[in-house]
Amino acid sequence: MPIFILDIIGWIVAHWRLILPYALALVLIVAFGIYWSCGRSTPKLDEAQIQRNQEAVRSGEQKRMEEAYVESKVAEKKIDANRADAELQTMKAKQAAREEARGKTNEQLAAELEALK
């Protein structure tokens, strides 16, 4: 092992009280990041669709399971499309508001903001 790595390890061992808070903070940040990224799933189906899917699986009929699968996929695509459309509409509204605000004076902007209260 190269000598500078051994020097670093020796310094860490000698000064473990300085390293401990930073190591704990790093562990907490990583744990929180993992929890946050894994714990934010958005539901794709409503309760009625989930129950229909469970009934289809319990029945064991191929036709009912296929129909439930198709309905579920269509519902997911509708939700994704609505979300994408909402994001697009938000971006358009922001752009329109920015363009509208550029053409106004400070007094006009202040009056508009006061009117929004």
N, C-alpha and C. Protein backbone atom coordinates (compact mmCIF):
# COMPACT_ATOMS: atom_id res chain seq x y z
N MET A 1 0.85 -1.17 0.00
CA MET A 1 0.00 0.00 0.00
C MET A 1 0.90 1.24 0.00
N PRO A 2 0.56 2.24 -0.80
CA PRO A 2 1.39 3.45 -0.84
C PRO A 2 1.43 4.14 0.53
N ILE A 3 2.53 4.80 0.79
CA ILE A 3 2.76 5.40 2.09
C ILE A 3 1.78 6.53 2.40
N PHE A 4 1.36 7.31 1.35
CA PHE A 4 0.46 8.43 1.63
C PHE A 4 -0.93 7.94 2.07
N ILE A 5 -1.36 6.77 1.59
CA ILE A 5 -2.64 6.21 2.04
C ILE A 5 -2.53 5.80 3.50
N LEU A 6 -1.39 5.20 3.85
CA LEU A 6 -1.18 4.83 5.26
C LEU A 6 -1.12 6.07 6.14
N ASP A 7 -0.54 7.15 5.63
CA ASP A 7 -0.50 8.40 6.39
C ASP A 7 -1.92 8.93 6.62
N ILE A 8 -2.74 8.87 5.61
CA ILE A 8 -4.12 9.34 5.73
C ILE A 8 -4.89 8.50 6.74
N ILE A 9 -4.74 7.19 6.64
CA ILE A 9 -5.41 6.29 7.58
C ILE A 9 -4.91 6.55 9.00
N GLY A 10 -3.61 6.74 9.16
CA GLY A 10 -3.06 7.04 10.48
C GLY A 10 -3.59 8.34 11.04
N TRP A 11 -3.72 9.37 10.19
CA TRP A 11 -4.25 10.65 10.66
C TRP A 11 -5.70 10.51 11.10
N ILE A 12 -6.49 9.73 10.32
CA ILE A 12 -7.91 9.52 10.67
C ILE A 12 -8.01 8.78 12.00
N VAL A 13 -7.20 7.76 12.21
CA VAL A 13 -7.22 7.01 13.46
C VAL A 13 -6.81 7.91 14.63
N ALA A 14 -5.80 8.76 14.41
CA ALA A 14 -5.32 9.63 15.48
C ALA A 14 -6.32 10.75 15.80
N HIS A 15 -7.09 11.17 14.83
CA HIS A 15 -8.02 12.29 15.01
C HIS A 15 -9.47 11.85 14.79
N TRP A 16 -9.83 10.70 15.31
CA TRP A 16 -11.16 10.17 15.07
C TRP A 16 -12.25 11.05 15.65
N ARG A 17 -11.95 11.80 16.69
CA ARG A 17 -12.98 12.67 17.29
C ARG A 17 -13.32 13.85 16.36
N LEU A 18 -12.40 14.24 15.53
CA LEU A 18 -12.69 15.29 14.55
C LEU A 18 -13.48 14.74 13.36
N ILE A 19 -13.21 13.52 12.99
CA ILE A 19 -13.82 12.90 11.82
C ILE A 19 -15.25 12.41 12.11
N LEU A 20 -15.50 11.98 13.34
CA LEU A 20 -16.78 11.36 13.69
C LEU A 20 -18.00 12.23 13.35
N PRO A 21 -18.07 13.51 13.71
CA PRO A 21 -19.27 14.29 13.36
C PRO A 21 -19.49 14.39 11.85
N TYR A 22 -18.42 14.54 11.09
CA TYR A 22 -18.56 14.63 9.64
C TYR A 22 -19.00 13.30 9.04
N ALA A 23 -18.49 12.22 9.59
CA ALA A 23 -18.89 10.90 9.10
C ALA A 23 -20.36 10.64 9.41
N LEU A 24 -20.79 11.01 10.62
CA LEU A 24 -22.19 10.83 10.97
C LEU A 24 -23.10 11.70 10.11
N ALA A 25 -22.69 12.93 9.85
CA ALA A 25 -23.49 13.81 9.00
C ALA A 25 -23.59 13.23 7.59
N LEU A 26 -22.51 12.70 7.08
CA LEU A 26 -22.53 12.10 5.75
C LEU A 26 -23.46 10.89 5.71
N VAL A 27 -23.40 10.06 6.74
CA VAL A 27 -24.27 8.88 6.80
C VAL A 27 -25.73 9.32 6.85
N LEU A 28 -26.05 10.34 7.65
CA LEU A 28 -27.43 10.82 7.75
C LEU A 28 -27.92 11.40 6.42
N ILE A 29 -27.07 12.14 5.74
CA ILE A 29 -27.45 12.71 4.45
C ILE A 29 -27.72 11.61 3.44
N VAL A 30 -26.86 10.61 3.39
CA VAL A 30 -27.05 9.50 2.46
C VAL A 30 -28.32 8.72 2.81
N ALA A 31 -28.54 8.45 4.11
CA ALA A 31 -29.73 7.71 4.51
C ALA A 31 -30.99 8.49 4.19
N PHE A 32 -30.99 9.80 4.44
CA PHE A 32 -32.15 10.63 4.12
C PHE A 32 -32.39 10.66 2.62
N GLY A 33 -31.33 10.76 1.83
CA GLY A 33 -31.48 10.75 0.38
C GLY A 33 -32.08 9.46 -0.14
N ILE A 34 -31.63 8.36 0.40
CA ILE A 34 -32.18 7.06 -0.01
C ILE A 34 -33.65 6.97 0.38
N TYR A 35 -33.97 7.37 1.61
CA TYR A 35 -35.35 7.32 2.09
C TYR A 35 -36.24 8.22 1.24
N TRP A 36 -35.76 9.43 0.94
CA TRP A 36 -36.57 10.39 0.19
C TRP A 36 -36.80 9.93 -1.24
N SER A 37 -35.77 9.39 -1.86
CA SER A 37 -35.93 8.98 -3.26
C SER A 37 -36.78 7.72 -3.39
N CYS A 38 -36.71 6.84 -2.43
CA CYS A 38 -37.48 5.60 -2.52
C CYS A 38 -38.89 5.76 -1.97
N GLY A 39 -39.12 6.73 -1.13
CA GLY A 39 -40.41 6.84 -0.46
C GLY A 39 -41.40 7.76 -1.13
N ARG A 40 -41.09 8.29 -2.31
CA ARG A 40 -41.98 9.26 -2.93
C ARG A 40 -42.67 8.69 -4.16
N SER A 41 -43.30 7.55 -4.03
CA SER A 41 -44.01 7.02 -5.19
C SER A 41 -45.42 7.60 -5.22
N THR A 42 -45.85 7.98 -6.38
CA THR A 42 -47.18 8.55 -6.53
C THR A 42 -48.13 7.44 -6.94
N PRO A 43 -49.30 7.41 -6.34
CA PRO A 43 -50.26 6.37 -6.74
C PRO A 43 -50.73 6.59 -8.17
N LYS A 44 -50.81 5.53 -8.92
CA LYS A 44 -51.19 5.63 -10.32
C LYS A 44 -52.67 5.30 -10.54
N LEU A 45 -53.24 4.48 -9.66
CA LEU A 45 -54.60 4.03 -9.87
C LEU A 45 -55.48 4.42 -8.69
N ASP A 46 -56.77 4.59 -8.96
CA ASP A 46 -57.69 4.87 -7.87
C ASP A 46 -58.06 3.56 -7.17
N GLU A 47 -58.75 3.68 -6.04
CA GLU A 47 -59.07 2.50 -5.23
C GLU A 47 -59.97 1.52 -5.98
N ALA A 48 -60.93 2.03 -6.74
CA ALA A 48 -61.83 1.14 -7.47
C ALA A 48 -61.08 0.31 -8.50
N GLN A 49 -60.11 0.92 -9.20
CA GLN A 49 -59.33 0.19 -10.19
C GLN A 49 -58.47 -0.87 -9.51
N ILE A 50 -57.91 -0.54 -8.37
CA ILE A 50 -57.09 -1.52 -7.63
C ILE A 50 -57.94 -2.70 -7.21
N GLN A 51 -59.15 -2.43 -6.74
CA GLN A 51 -60.04 -3.53 -6.33
C GLN A 51 -60.44 -4.39 -7.53
N ARG A 52 -60.71 -3.76 -8.68
CA ARG A 52 -61.04 -4.55 -9.88
C ARG A 52 -59.85 -5.43 -10.28
N ASN A 53 -58.65 -4.89 -10.16
CA ASN A 53 -57.46 -5.69 -10.49
C ASN A 53 -57.32 -6.87 -9.54
N GLN A 54 -57.55 -6.65 -8.25
CA GLN A 54 -57.44 -7.73 -7.28
C GLN A 54 -58.50 -8.79 -7.51
N GLU A 55 -59.72 -8.37 -7.86
CA GLU A 55 -60.78 -9.33 -8.16
C GLU A 55 -60.43 -10.16 -9.39
N ALA A 56 -59.85 -9.52 -10.39
CA ALA A 56 -59.47 -10.24 -11.61
C ALA A 56 -58.39 -11.28 -11.29
N VAL A 57 -57.45 -10.93 -10.45
CA VAL A 57 -56.39 -11.89 -10.09
C VAL A 57 -56.98 -13.04 -9.28
N ARG A 58 -57.90 -12.72 -8.35
CA ARG A 58 -58.53 -13.77 -7.55
C ARG A 58 -59.35 -14.72 -8.41
N SER A 59 -60.00 -14.19 -9.44
CA SER A 59 -60.84 -15.04 -10.29
C SER A 59 -59.99 -16.01 -11.10
N GLY A 60 -58.80 -15.58 -11.47
CA GLY A 60 -57.91 -16.44 -12.24
C GLY A 60 -58.27 -16.54 -13.71
N GLU A 61 -59.26 -15.79 -14.17
CA GLU A 61 -59.67 -15.84 -15.56
C GLU A 61 -58.75 -14.95 -16.40
N GLN A 62 -58.24 -15.53 -17.45
CA GLN A 62 -57.32 -14.81 -18.34
C GLN A 62 -57.97 -13.57 -18.93
N LYS A 63 -59.21 -13.71 -19.38
CA LYS A 63 -59.91 -12.60 -20.04
C LYS A 63 -60.08 -11.41 -19.08
N ARG A 64 -60.50 -11.68 -17.84
CA ARG A 64 -60.69 -10.60 -16.87
C ARG A 64 -59.36 -9.95 -16.50
N MET A 65 -58.31 -10.75 -16.37
CA MET A 65 -57.00 -10.19 -16.03
C MET A 65 -56.47 -9.32 -17.17
N GLU A 66 -56.67 -9.79 -18.41
CA GLU A 66 -56.24 -8.99 -19.56
C GLU A 66 -56.97 -7.66 -19.60
N GLU A 67 -58.28 -7.70 -19.38
CA GLU A 67 -59.09 -6.47 -19.42
C GLU A 67 -58.68 -5.52 -18.29
N ALA A 68 -58.43 -6.06 -17.09
CA ALA A 68 -58.00 -5.23 -15.97
C ALA A 68 -56.62 -4.62 -16.25
N TYR A 69 -55.74 -5.40 -16.88
CA TYR A 69 -54.41 -4.90 -17.22
C TYR A 69 -54.50 -3.75 -18.22
N VAL A 70 -55.34 -3.93 -19.24
CA VAL A 70 -55.50 -2.88 -20.25
C VAL A 70 -56.08 -1.62 -19.62
N GLU A 71 -57.10 -1.76 -18.79
CA GLU A 71 -57.71 -0.61 -18.12
C GLU A 71 -56.69 0.11 -17.24
N SER A 72 -55.86 -0.65 -16.54
CA SER A 72 -54.86 -0.05 -15.65
C SER A 72 -53.82 0.73 -16.44
N LYS A 73 -53.36 0.15 -17.55
CA LYS A 73 -52.36 0.84 -18.37
C LYS A 73 -52.93 2.12 -18.98
N VAL A 74 -54.18 2.06 -19.41
CA VAL A 74 -54.83 3.25 -19.97
C VAL A 74 -54.96 4.33 -18.90
N ALA A 75 -55.34 3.94 -17.69
CA ALA A 75 -55.48 4.91 -16.60
C ALA A 75 -54.13 5.54 -16.28
N GLU A 76 -53.07 4.74 -16.26
CA GLU A 76 -51.73 5.28 -16.00
C GLU A 76 -51.33 6.29 -17.08
N LYS A 77 -51.58 5.96 -18.32
CA LYS A 77 -51.22 6.87 -19.42
C LYS A 77 -52.02 8.17 -19.33
N LYS A 78 -53.30 8.08 -18.94
CA LYS A 78 -54.11 9.28 -18.79
C LYS A 78 -53.53 10.18 -17.69
N ILE A 79 -53.15 9.58 -16.58
CA ILE A 79 -52.59 10.35 -15.47
C ILE A 79 -51.28 11.00 -15.91
N ASP A 80 -50.42 10.24 -16.58
CA ASP A 80 -49.15 10.80 -17.06
C ASP A 80 -49.39 11.94 -18.05
N ALA A 81 -50.36 11.76 -18.93
CA ALA A 81 -50.66 12.80 -19.91
C ALA A 81 -51.20 14.05 -19.23
N ASN A 82 -52.06 13.86 -18.23
CA ASN A 82 -52.60 15.01 -17.50
C ASN A 82 -51.49 15.74 -16.75
N ARG A 83 -50.57 14.99 -16.16
CA ARG A 83 -49.46 15.61 -15.44
C ARG A 83 -48.57 16.39 -16.42
N ALA A 84 -48.29 15.79 -17.56
CA ALA A 84 -47.46 16.47 -18.56
C ALA A 84 -48.16 17.72 -19.07
N ASP A 85 -49.48 17.62 -19.29
CA ASP A 85 -50.23 18.78 -19.76
C ASP A 85 -50.25 19.88 -18.70
N ALA A 86 -50.38 19.49 -17.44
CA ALA A 86 -50.38 20.48 -16.37
C ALA A 86 -49.03 21.18 -16.29
N GLU A 87 -47.95 20.44 -16.45
CA GLU A 87 -46.63 21.05 -16.44
C GLU A 87 -46.46 21.99 -17.63
N LEU A 88 -46.96 21.59 -18.78
CA LEU A 88 -46.88 22.44 -19.98
C LEU A 88 -47.69 23.71 -19.77
N GLN A 89 -48.89 23.59 -19.23
CA GLN A 89 -49.72 24.76 -18.98
C GLN A 89 -49.06 25.69 -17.96
N THR A 90 -48.40 25.12 -16.95
CA THR A 90 -47.70 25.93 -15.96
C THR A 90 -46.57 26.71 -16.61
N MET A 91 -45.81 26.04 -17.46
CA MET A 91 -44.71 26.72 -18.15
C MET A 91 -45.24 27.84 -19.05
N LYS A 92 -46.34 27.58 -19.76
CA LYS A 92 -46.92 28.60 -20.62
C LYS A 92 -47.41 29.79 -19.80
N ALA A 93 -48.04 29.53 -18.64
CA ALA A 93 -48.54 30.61 -17.79
C ALA A 93 -47.39 31.44 -17.24
N LYS A 94 -46.29 30.78 -16.86
CA LYS A 94 -45.13 31.52 -16.36
C LYS A 94 -44.57 32.43 -17.45
N GLN A 95 -44.45 31.89 -18.65
CA GLN A 95 -43.90 32.67 -19.76
C GLN A 95 -44.80 33.85 -20.09
N ALA A 96 -46.10 33.63 -20.10
CA ALA A 96 -47.04 34.72 -20.40
C ALA A 96 -46.98 35.78 -19.31
N ALA A 97 -46.88 35.37 -18.05
CA ALA A 97 -46.81 36.33 -16.96
C ALA A 97 -45.52 37.13 -17.02
N ARG A 98 -44.42 36.48 -17.37
CA ARG A 98 -43.14 37.19 -17.48
C ARG A 98 -43.20 38.23 -18.59
N GLU A 99 -43.77 37.84 -19.73
CA GLU A 99 -43.88 38.79 -20.84
C GLU A 99 -44.80 39.96 -20.49
N GLU A 100 -45.87 39.66 -19.78
CA GLU A 100 -46.79 40.71 -19.37
C GLU A 100 -46.12 41.65 -18.36
N ALA A 101 -45.33 41.08 -17.46
CA ALA A 101 -44.67 41.88 -16.43
C ALA A 101 -43.58 42.77 -17.03
N ARG A 102 -42.94 42.32 -18.08
CA ARG A 102 -41.87 43.11 -18.71
C ARG A 102 -42.40 44.43 -19.28
N GLY A 103 -43.65 44.42 -19.70
CA GLY A 103 -44.23 45.60 -20.31
C GLY A 103 -44.82 46.59 -19.32
N LYS A 104 -44.73 46.30 -18.04
CA LYS A 104 -45.34 47.17 -17.03
C LYS A 104 -44.28 47.92 -16.24
N THR A 105 -44.69 49.05 -15.73
CA THR A 105 -43.79 49.83 -14.87
C THR A 105 -43.88 49.29 -13.44
N ASN A 106 -43.00 49.79 -12.59
CA ASN A 106 -43.01 49.36 -11.19
C ASN A 106 -44.34 49.69 -10.51
N GLU A 107 -44.89 50.86 -10.81
CA GLU A 107 -46.15 51.25 -10.20
C GLU A 107 -47.29 50.33 -10.64
N GLN A 108 -47.29 49.99 -11.93
CA GLN A 108 -48.33 49.09 -12.43
C GLN A 108 -48.20 47.70 -11.80
N LEU A 109 -46.95 47.22 -11.68
CA LEU A 109 -46.73 45.92 -11.05
C LEU A 109 -47.17 45.93 -9.59
N ALA A 110 -46.84 47.03 -8.88
CA ALA A 110 -47.23 47.15 -7.47
C ALA A 110 -48.75 47.16 -7.34
N ALA A 111 -49.43 47.87 -8.24
CA ALA A 111 -50.90 47.89 -8.20
C ALA A 111 -51.48 46.51 -8.49
N GLU A 112 -50.90 45.79 -9.45
CA GLU A 112 -51.37 44.43 -9.75
C GLU A 112 -51.18 43.51 -8.55
N LEU A 113 -50.02 43.60 -7.91
CA LEU A 113 -49.76 42.74 -6.75
C LEU A 113 -50.67 43.08 -5.58
N GLU A 114 -50.96 44.35 -5.40
CA GLU A 114 -51.88 44.75 -4.34
C GLU A 114 -53.29 44.23 -4.63
N ALA A 115 -53.67 44.20 -5.89
CA ALA A 115 -54.99 43.72 -6.27
C ALA A 115 -55.14 42.21 -6.06
N LEU A 116 -54.04 41.50 -6.05
CA LEU A 116 -54.08 40.04 -5.88
C LEU A 116 -54.30 39.61 -4.44
N LYS A 117 -54.18 40.53 -3.49
CA LYS A 117 -54.35 40.16 -2.07
C LYS A 117 -55.72 39.68 -1.77
